[in-house]
């Protein structure tokens, strides 16, 4: 019976990580529903970008207050969970603070003191974030696409992080008091918990403190496993996916759109003076499915665009700088990414239920993203520039507009007139080509 705690711990550990890796496997499968795209060029630049943006949080600090607070949470929470290694070893083998034996008294004291200071910064940051999100009235955090689950999700994450840090302090405070009483050997330095919480625990019995320490230890461990598996359902999946998302980011200059290979080939053929216009066309596979122009569903988007959808932090920085949204249009770049992710999840549930995708009569276009939203975009790239993890909402908007124009000939009348003039007159104006320079001779 003395090993029952270790067995329960091991079962919880295996189950928690097993569910987590199953979720990652499903996300990987869902991303692969998109078209393949080669984003492996210039690897040195990609590693540099990932290190600077994802690890270094370089774009977060463009809004200093939110950026610095986010760094507190990000760095603090990540480093504090290095302690998870110690928890795992202690839980499996029944040891107590095994790292102290490896690091030595002085180094371990510095380590635990650093964790406590970082944990305090995390607590302060999440409290400020909670107040800011719910009571301060930041416009981008209170837009209609966040009503319901997205807002609750953000709050739950803050509450979970707060609870985990408080459990961390309770564990250390009880541990410190027990060390002073000689129940535990002296390990570590706890500047926060020993001063703020330990005085409260001084009047309690050893048994109560042992129960408190163990309870907080188990709560911290189970809480980390819960948080880890909750990520799949949360916008906070970006904690993991920000790294591959920034590595596979588009390194081309902003505003440079991709050309369709099939269209480029046709145009080159038309402009080739040596091409024979009467030559027999190349034979094609009768079973081949013709390439679709643009995208009306997630299957037409590329895999990086689907990765973008999963990586979206829903922070709204993109929407807050979007000129269309600012002037009252329906377009919200954040909503474009949220809708894309919703459609991916809708398709994923379909696949899980049927073993493969069965046509559900729905599409990303019209069922999730409305045409009015797409045509409101000015293609200014402000949303792309603002994103702290290099997400590109414009690329999705562009592909869906390409589908509307080239597959459905569906575009606002103003654009149809302009495109007709370009085709007929090589200019957007309804002037004959012979008259295009008359303005230069007019007085």
Protein backbone atom coordinates (compact mmCIF):
# COMPACT_ATOMS: atom_id res chain seq x y z
CA UNK A 1 0.00 0.00 0.00
CA UNK A 2 2.94 2.33 0.47
CA UNK A 3 3.25 2.66 -3.30
CA UNK A 4 -0.41 3.48 -3.99
CA UNK A 5 0.31 7.21 -4.39
CA UNK A 6 3.09 6.49 -6.87
CA UNK A 7 0.84 4.17 -8.90
CA UNK A 8 -2.01 6.70 -8.99
CA UNK A 9 0.46 9.40 -10.00
CA UNK A 10 1.89 7.28 -12.81
CA UNK A 11 -1.59 6.43 -14.14
CA UNK A 12 -2.58 10.13 -14.11
CA UNK A 13 0.70 11.07 -15.82
CA UNK A 14 0.30 8.50 -18.61
CA UNK A 15 -3.38 9.35 -19.12
CA UNK A 16 -2.74 13.10 -19.18
CA UNK A 17 0.12 12.98 -21.66
CA UNK A 18 -1.65 10.28 -23.70
CA UNK A 19 -4.73 12.48 -24.18
CA UNK A 20 -2.50 15.47 -24.94
CA UNK A 21 -0.58 13.69 -27.70
CA UNK A 22 -3.83 12.33 -29.12
CA UNK A 23 -5.12 15.90 -29.40
CA UNK A 24 -1.89 17.01 -31.10
CA UNK A 25 -2.23 14.11 -33.54
CA UNK A 26 -5.78 15.19 -34.41
CA UNK A 27 -4.67 18.80 -34.92
CA UNK A 28 -1.89 17.58 -37.22
CA UNK A 29 -4.43 15.53 -39.20
CA UNK A 30 -6.76 18.52 -39.49
CA UNK A 31 -3.99 20.81 -40.73
CA UNK A 32 -3.10 18.24 -43.38
CA UNK A 33 -6.62 18.62 -44.82
CA UNK A 34 -5.26 21.70 -46.55
CA UNK A 35 -3.16 21.80 -49.71
CA UNK A 36 0.56 21.17 -49.42
CA UNK A 37 2.80 24.19 -49.65
CA UNK A 38 6.58 24.41 -49.63
CA UNK A 39 7.72 26.79 -46.90
CA UNK A 40 11.15 25.31 -46.25
CA UNK A 41 13.16 27.93 -48.13
CA UNK A 42 15.75 30.03 -46.29
CA UNK A 43 15.79 27.94 -43.08
CA UNK A 44 18.29 30.20 -41.30
CA UNK A 45 15.94 33.16 -41.69
CA UNK A 46 13.04 31.04 -40.50
CA UNK A 47 14.84 29.94 -37.33
CA UNK A 48 15.78 33.55 -36.67
CA UNK A 49 12.18 34.69 -37.16
CA UNK A 50 10.83 31.98 -34.86
CA UNK A 51 13.37 32.82 -32.16
CA UNK A 52 12.67 36.52 -32.38
CA UNK A 53 8.88 36.48 -32.68
CA UNK A 54 7.68 33.29 -30.93
CA UNK A 55 10.34 32.91 -28.26
CA UNK A 56 11.45 36.53 -27.95
CA UNK A 57 7.90 38.01 -28.09
CA UNK A 58 9.28 40.88 -30.19
CA UNK A 59 5.94 41.93 -31.69
CA UNK A 60 4.06 41.79 -28.38
CA UNK A 61 5.91 44.80 -26.98
CA UNK A 62 4.62 47.11 -29.71
CA UNK A 63 1.82 47.63 -27.21
CA UNK A 64 4.09 47.97 -24.15
CA UNK A 65 1.69 47.45 -21.23
CA UNK A 66 -0.07 44.39 -22.61
CA UNK A 67 3.20 43.14 -24.09
CA UNK A 68 5.19 43.30 -20.85
CA UNK A 69 2.36 41.71 -18.84
CA UNK A 70 2.13 38.95 -21.44
CA UNK A 71 5.87 38.33 -21.14
CA UNK A 72 5.45 38.02 -17.36
CA UNK A 73 2.79 35.35 -17.86
CA UNK A 74 4.56 33.58 -20.71
CA UNK A 75 8.06 33.46 -19.25
CA UNK A 76 6.88 32.93 -15.70
CA UNK A 77 4.46 30.14 -16.50
CA UNK A 78 6.91 28.32 -18.78
CA UNK A 79 9.86 28.52 -16.37
CA UNK A 80 7.74 27.65 -13.35
CA UNK A 81 6.64 24.49 -15.13
CA UNK A 82 10.26 23.40 -15.35
CA UNK A 83 9.37 22.31 -11.85
CA UNK A 84 7.08 19.78 -13.52
CA UNK A 85 10.24 17.70 -14.08
CA UNK A 86 10.83 17.65 -10.33
CA UNK A 87 7.17 16.83 -9.67
CA UNK A 88 7.27 13.92 -12.12
CA UNK A 89 10.39 12.40 -10.54
CA UNK A 90 9.08 12.94 -7.01
CA UNK A 91 5.71 11.48 -7.95
CA UNK A 92 7.11 8.35 -9.57
CA UNK A 93 9.85 7.56 -7.07
CA UNK A 94 8.36 9.03 -3.90
CA UNK A 95 11.21 11.52 -3.36
CA UNK A 96 10.84 15.08 -2.07
CA UNK A 97 12.39 17.95 -4.04
CA UNK A 98 14.91 15.73 -5.79
CA UNK A 99 16.43 18.67 -7.70
CA UNK A 100 17.91 19.96 -4.46
CA UNK A 101 20.22 16.96 -4.40
CA UNK A 102 21.36 17.63 -7.97
CA UNK A 103 21.69 21.42 -7.88
CA UNK A 104 23.04 21.74 -4.34
CA UNK A 105 21.69 23.92 -1.53
CA UNK A 106 22.73 27.36 -2.84
CA UNK A 107 21.78 26.81 -6.47
CA UNK A 108 18.48 25.19 -5.55
CA UNK A 109 17.69 28.11 -3.22
CA UNK A 110 18.31 30.53 -6.09
CA UNK A 111 16.17 28.36 -8.37
CA UNK A 112 13.16 28.23 -6.02
CA UNK A 113 13.44 31.94 -5.19
CA UNK A 114 13.39 32.77 -8.91
CA UNK A 115 10.31 30.58 -9.38
CA UNK A 116 8.51 32.37 -6.57
CA UNK A 117 9.24 35.83 -7.95
CA UNK A 118 8.12 34.77 -11.42
CA UNK A 119 4.97 33.20 -9.94
CA UNK A 120 4.16 36.48 -8.20
CA UNK A 121 4.56 38.34 -11.51
CA UNK A 122 2.24 35.83 -13.16
CA UNK A 123 -0.40 36.37 -10.46
CA UNK A 124 -0.19 40.16 -10.83
CA UNK A 125 -0.37 39.94 -14.62
CA UNK A 126 -3.37 37.58 -14.79
CA UNK A 127 -5.29 39.71 -12.26
CA UNK A 128 -4.63 42.83 -14.35
CA UNK A 129 -5.57 40.97 -17.53
CA UNK A 130 -8.84 39.75 -15.94
CA UNK A 131 -9.79 43.27 -14.81
CA UNK A 132 -8.74 44.74 -18.15
CA UNK A 133 -10.70 42.17 -20.16
CA UNK A 134 -13.90 42.31 -18.11
CA UNK A 135 -14.13 45.76 -16.52
CA UNK A 136 -11.82 48.19 -18.32
CA UNK A 137 -13.70 48.19 -21.62
CA UNK A 138 -10.94 47.61 -24.18
CA UNK A 139 -12.90 47.69 -27.45
CA UNK A 140 -11.05 44.87 -29.23
CA UNK A 141 -11.66 42.57 -26.25
CA UNK A 142 -15.41 43.21 -26.22
CA UNK A 143 -16.42 42.78 -29.87
CA UNK A 144 -19.34 40.58 -30.84
CA UNK A 145 -17.23 37.71 -32.24
CA UNK A 146 -15.94 37.17 -28.70
CA UNK A 147 -19.39 36.83 -27.12
CA UNK A 148 -20.02 33.42 -25.60
CA UNK A 149 -17.33 30.75 -25.53
CA UNK A 150 -14.32 32.86 -26.69
CA UNK A 151 -14.78 35.32 -23.79
CA UNK A 152 -15.42 32.53 -21.28
CA UNK A 153 -12.38 30.65 -22.58
CA UNK A 154 -10.09 33.64 -22.04
CA UNK A 155 -11.41 34.11 -18.50
CA UNK A 156 -11.12 30.42 -17.64
CA UNK A 157 -7.48 30.38 -18.68
CA UNK A 158 -6.73 33.37 -16.44
CA UNK A 159 -8.57 31.72 -13.54
CA UNK A 160 -6.72 28.43 -14.06
CA UNK A 161 -3.34 30.17 -14.16
CA UNK A 162 -4.21 32.13 -11.01
CA UNK A 163 -5.31 28.95 -9.18
CA UNK A 164 -2.16 27.07 -10.19
CA UNK A 165 0.07 29.86 -8.89
CA UNK A 166 -1.83 30.08 -5.59
CA UNK A 167 -1.48 26.29 -5.18
CA UNK A 168 2.24 26.70 -5.89
CA UNK A 169 2.53 29.30 -3.09
CA UNK A 170 0.49 27.18 -0.64
CA UNK A 171 2.69 24.16 -1.33
CA UNK A 172 5.86 26.17 -0.73
CA UNK A 173 4.51 27.92 2.38
CA UNK A 174 3.46 24.67 4.06
CA UNK A 175 6.75 23.08 3.00
CA UNK A 176 8.74 25.99 4.46
CA UNK A 177 6.96 25.82 7.84
CA UNK A 178 7.56 22.06 7.97
CA UNK A 179 11.22 22.67 7.19
CA UNK A 180 11.47 25.11 10.11
CA UNK A 181 9.96 22.47 12.38
CA UNK A 182 12.42 19.83 11.18
CA UNK A 183 9.78 17.63 9.56
CA UNK A 184 11.40 18.19 6.14
CA UNK A 185 15.07 18.81 5.47
CA UNK A 186 15.79 22.43 4.56
CA UNK A 187 15.58 22.87 0.80
CA UNK A 188 15.08 26.02 -1.21
CA UNK A 189 14.31 29.66 -0.59
CA UNK A 190 10.73 30.96 -0.70
CA UNK A 191 10.74 34.78 -0.43
CA UNK A 192 7.06 35.21 -1.34
CA UNK A 193 5.27 32.31 0.34
CA UNK A 194 7.42 32.36 3.49
CA UNK A 195 6.53 36.02 4.08
CA UNK A 196 2.93 36.18 2.87
CA UNK A 197 1.41 32.75 3.58
CA UNK A 198 3.71 31.01 6.08
CA UNK A 199 2.64 33.22 9.04
CA UNK A 200 -0.94 32.02 8.50
CA UNK A 201 0.20 28.38 8.67
CA UNK A 202 2.34 28.73 11.80
CA UNK A 203 -0.53 27.87 14.18
CA UNK A 204 -1.56 24.68 12.38
CA UNK A 205 -0.46 21.16 13.26
CA UNK A 206 2.14 19.18 11.34
CA UNK A 207 -0.51 16.79 10.02
CA UNK A 208 -2.61 19.65 8.68
CA UNK A 209 0.45 21.19 7.02
CA UNK A 210 1.42 17.85 5.48
CA UNK A 211 -2.11 17.51 4.13
CA UNK A 212 -1.99 21.10 2.79
CA UNK A 213 1.40 20.61 1.18
CA UNK A 214 0.40 17.32 -0.46
CA UNK A 215 -3.00 18.69 -1.49
CA UNK A 216 -1.44 21.73 -3.16
CA UNK A 217 1.21 19.51 -4.77
CA UNK A 218 -1.45 17.22 -6.27
CA UNK A 219 -3.62 20.17 -7.31
CA UNK A 220 -0.66 21.75 -9.08
CA UNK A 221 0.15 18.51 -10.89
CA UNK A 222 -3.43 17.65 -11.92
CA UNK A 223 -3.99 21.29 -12.84
CA UNK A 224 -1.05 21.25 -15.25
CA UNK A 225 -2.37 18.05 -16.89
CA UNK A 226 -5.85 19.59 -17.16
CA UNK A 227 -4.47 22.83 -18.60
CA UNK A 228 -2.38 20.89 -21.10
CA UNK A 229 -5.42 18.98 -22.39
CA UNK A 230 -7.68 22.01 -22.27
CA UNK A 231 -5.45 23.74 -24.83
CA UNK A 232 -7.03 21.76 -27.69
CA UNK A 233 -10.36 23.50 -27.05
CA UNK A 234 -8.86 26.89 -26.36
CA UNK A 235 -7.34 29.83 -28.18
CA UNK A 236 -4.31 29.25 -25.95
CA UNK A 237 -3.17 26.53 -28.32
CA UNK A 238 -0.91 29.30 -29.62
CA UNK A 239 1.37 28.58 -26.64
CA UNK A 240 2.54 25.56 -28.67
CA UNK A 241 1.67 26.42 -32.27
CA UNK A 242 3.20 29.90 -32.29
CA UNK A 243 6.57 28.25 -32.85
CA UNK A 244 5.78 26.29 -36.04
CA UNK A 245 3.48 29.09 -37.18
CA UNK A 246 6.28 31.66 -37.13
CA UNK A 247 8.73 29.20 -38.68
CA UNK A 248 6.41 28.58 -41.65
CA UNK A 249 5.45 32.24 -42.00
CA UNK A 250 5.50 33.91 -45.40
CA UNK A 251 8.88 35.62 -45.79
CA UNK A 252 7.92 37.37 -49.04
CA UNK A 253 7.37 41.15 -48.95
CA UNK A 254 3.91 42.06 -47.70
CA UNK A 255 1.55 42.77 -50.57
CA UNK A 256 3.19 40.28 -52.92
CA UNK A 257 0.41 37.92 -53.97
CA UNK A 258 0.89 34.49 -55.40
CA UNK A 259 0.09 33.77 -59.05
CA UNK A 260 -1.81 30.71 -60.18
CA UNK A 261 0.53 28.46 -62.09
CA UNK A 262 -2.14 27.43 -64.60
CA UNK A 263 -3.03 31.05 -65.40
CA UNK A 264 0.63 32.09 -65.61
CA UNK A 265 1.27 29.24 -68.05
CA UNK A 266 -1.61 30.31 -70.29
CA UNK A 267 -0.53 33.94 -70.32
CA UNK A 268 3.07 33.04 -71.17
CA UNK A 269 1.77 30.89 -73.99
CA UNK A 270 -0.36 33.77 -75.29
CA UNK A 271 2.61 36.14 -75.22
CA UNK A 272 5.06 33.73 -76.82
CA UNK A 273 5.53 34.84 -80.47
CA UNK A 274 6.77 31.37 -81.38
CA UNK A 275 3.76 29.55 -79.95
CA UNK A 276 1.48 27.83 -82.46
CA UNK A 277 -2.11 28.87 -81.65
CA UNK A 278 -3.42 25.96 -83.74
CA UNK A 279 -1.32 23.28 -82.07
CA UNK A 280 -3.26 20.41 -80.56
CA UNK A 281 -3.59 20.77 -76.80
CA UNK A 282 -1.64 18.42 -74.59
CA UNK A 283 -3.65 15.34 -73.68
CA UNK A 284 -4.92 15.36 -70.14
CA UNK A 285 -5.84 12.59 -67.76
CA UNK A 286 -9.60 12.09 -68.27
CA UNK A 287 -9.94 11.25 -64.55
CA UNK A 288 -8.06 14.32 -63.35
CA UNK A 289 -10.06 16.83 -61.34
CA UNK A 290 -9.65 20.36 -62.72
CA UNK A 291 -7.84 22.77 -60.42
CA UNK A 292 -10.13 25.11 -58.56
CA UNK A 293 -9.40 28.82 -58.66
CA UNK A 294 -9.27 30.21 -55.15
CA UNK A 295 -11.00 28.73 -52.11
CA UNK A 296 -14.52 28.30 -50.83
CA UNK A 297 -13.74 25.72 -48.15
CA UNK A 298 -10.84 24.68 -45.93
CA UNK A 299 -9.78 21.93 -48.35
CA UNK A 300 -8.83 24.65 -50.87
CA UNK A 301 -6.65 26.56 -48.40
CA UNK A 302 -3.05 25.56 -47.84
CA UNK A 303 -1.77 23.84 -44.71
CA UNK A 304 -0.04 26.96 -43.37
CA UNK A 305 -3.33 28.87 -43.56
CA UNK A 306 -5.00 26.15 -41.48
CA UNK A 307 -2.08 26.27 -39.05
CA UNK A 308 -2.67 30.03 -38.85
CA UNK A 309 -6.28 29.41 -37.82
CA UNK A 310 -5.22 27.10 -34.99
CA UNK A 311 -2.49 29.55 -33.90
CA UNK A 312 -4.78 32.60 -33.62
CA UNK A 313 -4.59 34.16 -30.16
CA UNK A 314 -7.90 36.04 -30.66
CA UNK A 315 -6.16 39.12 -29.26
CA UNK A 316 -7.85 41.37 -31.83
CA UNK A 317 -4.78 43.42 -32.68
CA UNK A 318 -5.49 42.73 -36.35
CA UNK A 319 -9.08 43.92 -36.12
CA UNK A 320 -8.16 47.01 -34.10
CA UNK A 321 -5.98 48.32 -36.97
CA UNK A 322 -8.24 47.18 -39.84
CA UNK A 323 -9.46 50.32 -41.68
CA UNK A 324 -12.57 48.52 -42.89
CA UNK A 325 -13.56 47.52 -39.36
CA UNK A 326 -12.71 50.95 -37.96
CA UNK A 327 -15.09 52.57 -40.45
CA UNK A 328 -17.96 50.28 -39.48
CA UNK A 329 -17.70 47.50 -42.09
CA UNK A 330 -18.49 43.92 -41.11
CA UNK A 331 -14.96 42.69 -41.77
CA UNK A 332 -12.95 41.56 -38.74
CA UNK A 333 -9.67 39.77 -39.60
CA UNK A 334 -9.84 38.05 -36.21
CA UNK A 335 -13.29 36.68 -37.08
CA UNK A 336 -11.93 35.37 -40.40
CA UNK A 337 -9.42 33.25 -38.48
CA UNK A 338 -11.95 32.17 -35.85
CA UNK A 339 -14.45 31.18 -38.55
CA UNK A 340 -11.79 29.19 -40.39
CA UNK A 341 -10.93 27.30 -37.22
CA UNK A 342 -14.63 26.68 -36.52
CA UNK A 343 -15.02 25.17 -39.98
CA UNK A 344 -11.92 22.99 -39.48
CA UNK A 345 -13.41 21.67 -36.24
CA UNK A 346 -16.75 21.11 -37.95
CA UNK A 347 -15.04 19.02 -40.63
CA UNK A 348 -12.97 17.20 -37.97
CA UNK A 349 -16.11 16.12 -36.10
CA UNK A 350 -17.53 14.89 -39.40
CA UNK A 351 -14.41 12.80 -40.04
CA UNK A 352 -14.39 11.44 -36.48
CA UNK A 353 -18.01 10.40 -36.81
CA UNK A 354 -17.86 8.84 -40.29
CA UNK A 355 -14.24 7.71 -40.62
CA UNK A 356 -13.85 10.10 -43.55
CA UNK A 357 -15.33 13.39 -44.63
CA UNK A 358 -18.91 13.09 -45.83
CA UNK A 359 -20.28 16.14 -47.65
CA UNK A 360 -22.30 18.08 -45.09
CA UNK A 361 -23.62 20.66 -47.54
CA UNK A 362 -21.66 23.43 -45.84
CA UNK A 363 -18.71 25.54 -46.88
CA UNK A 364 -16.42 28.07 -45.27
CA UNK A 365 -17.79 30.63 -47.73
CA UNK A 366 -21.34 31.80 -46.94
CA UNK A 367 -21.89 29.36 -44.06
CA UNK A 368 -19.14 30.89 -41.91
CA UNK A 369 -17.63 33.86 -43.75
CA UNK A 370 -19.96 36.21 -45.58
CA UNK A 371 -19.18 37.81 -48.94
CA UNK A 372 -19.73 41.28 -47.54
CA UNK A 373 -16.84 40.67 -45.14
CA UNK A 374 -14.51 39.62 -47.96
CA UNK A 375 -15.23 42.57 -50.22
CA UNK A 376 -14.80 45.06 -47.37
CA UNK A 377 -11.06 44.24 -47.24
CA UNK A 378 -8.75 46.91 -48.69
CA UNK A 379 -5.76 44.46 -48.87
CA UNK A 380 -3.67 46.97 -46.92
CA UNK A 381 -1.87 44.26 -44.88
CA UNK A 382 -2.39 46.14 -41.60
CA UNK A 383 -3.75 42.96 -40.00
CA UNK A 384 -0.73 40.95 -41.11
CA UNK A 385 1.67 43.53 -39.75
CA UNK A 386 -0.17 43.73 -36.41
CA UNK A 387 -0.32 40.01 -35.64
CA UNK A 388 2.09 39.03 -32.82
CA UNK A 389 2.55 35.50 -34.22
CA UNK A 390 2.70 36.31 -37.98
CA UNK A 391 -0.77 35.07 -38.94
CA UNK A 392 -1.93 36.12 -42.41
CA UNK A 393 -5.74 36.65 -42.55
CA UNK A 394 -5.37 38.50 -45.85
CA UNK A 395 -4.20 35.37 -47.67
CA UNK A 396 -7.47 33.61 -46.80
CA UNK A 397 -9.54 36.63 -47.82
CA UNK A 398 -7.62 36.86 -51.08
CA UNK A 399 -8.15 33.17 -51.96
CA UNK A 400 -11.87 33.39 -51.25
CA UNK A 401 -12.23 36.53 -53.37
CA UNK A 402 -10.29 34.77 -56.11
CA UNK A 403 -12.86 31.96 -56.00
CA UNK A 404 -15.75 34.40 -56.23
CA UNK A 405 -14.26 36.18 -59.24
CA UNK A 406 -12.77 33.29 -61.20
CA UNK A 407 -15.17 30.46 -60.34
CA UNK A 408 -18.48 32.24 -59.87
CA UNK A 409 -17.93 35.52 -61.73
CA UNK A 410 -19.36 37.07 -58.60
CA UNK A 411 -17.94 40.44 -57.69
CA UNK A 412 -19.33 43.90 -56.87
CA UNK A 413 -20.48 45.75 -59.98
CA UNK A 414 -17.75 48.38 -59.58
CA UNK A 415 -15.08 45.69 -59.81
CA UNK A 416 -16.74 43.99 -62.79
CA UNK A 417 -16.77 47.31 -64.69
CA UNK A 418 -13.12 47.92 -63.82
CA UNK A 419 -12.04 44.41 -64.87
CA UNK A 420 -13.98 44.70 -68.14
CA UNK A 421 -12.23 47.99 -68.90
CA UNK A 422 -8.82 46.47 -68.12
CA UNK A 423 -9.59 43.58 -70.48
CA UNK A 424 -10.84 45.80 -73.29
CA UNK A 425 -8.82 48.97 -72.84
CA UNK A 426 -5.78 47.86 -70.81
CA UNK A 427 -6.79 50.46 -68.22
CA UNK A 428 -9.46 50.71 -65.53
CA UNK A 429 -11.18 53.60 -67.34
CA UNK A 430 -13.72 53.33 -70.15
CA UNK A 431 -11.55 55.12 -72.70
CA UNK A 432 -10.39 53.81 -76.03
CA UNK A 433 -6.68 53.00 -75.99
CA UNK A 434 -6.12 55.53 -78.76
CA UNK A 435 -7.51 58.29 -76.55
CA UNK A 436 -5.55 57.51 -73.41
CA UNK A 437 -2.90 60.23 -73.94
CA UNK A 438 -5.24 63.05 -74.95
CA UNK A 439 -5.12 64.46 -71.45
CA UNK A 440 -1.51 65.46 -72.08
CA UNK A 441 -2.46 67.73 -74.97
CA UNK A 442 -5.40 69.41 -73.29
CA UNK A 443 -4.98 72.98 -72.04
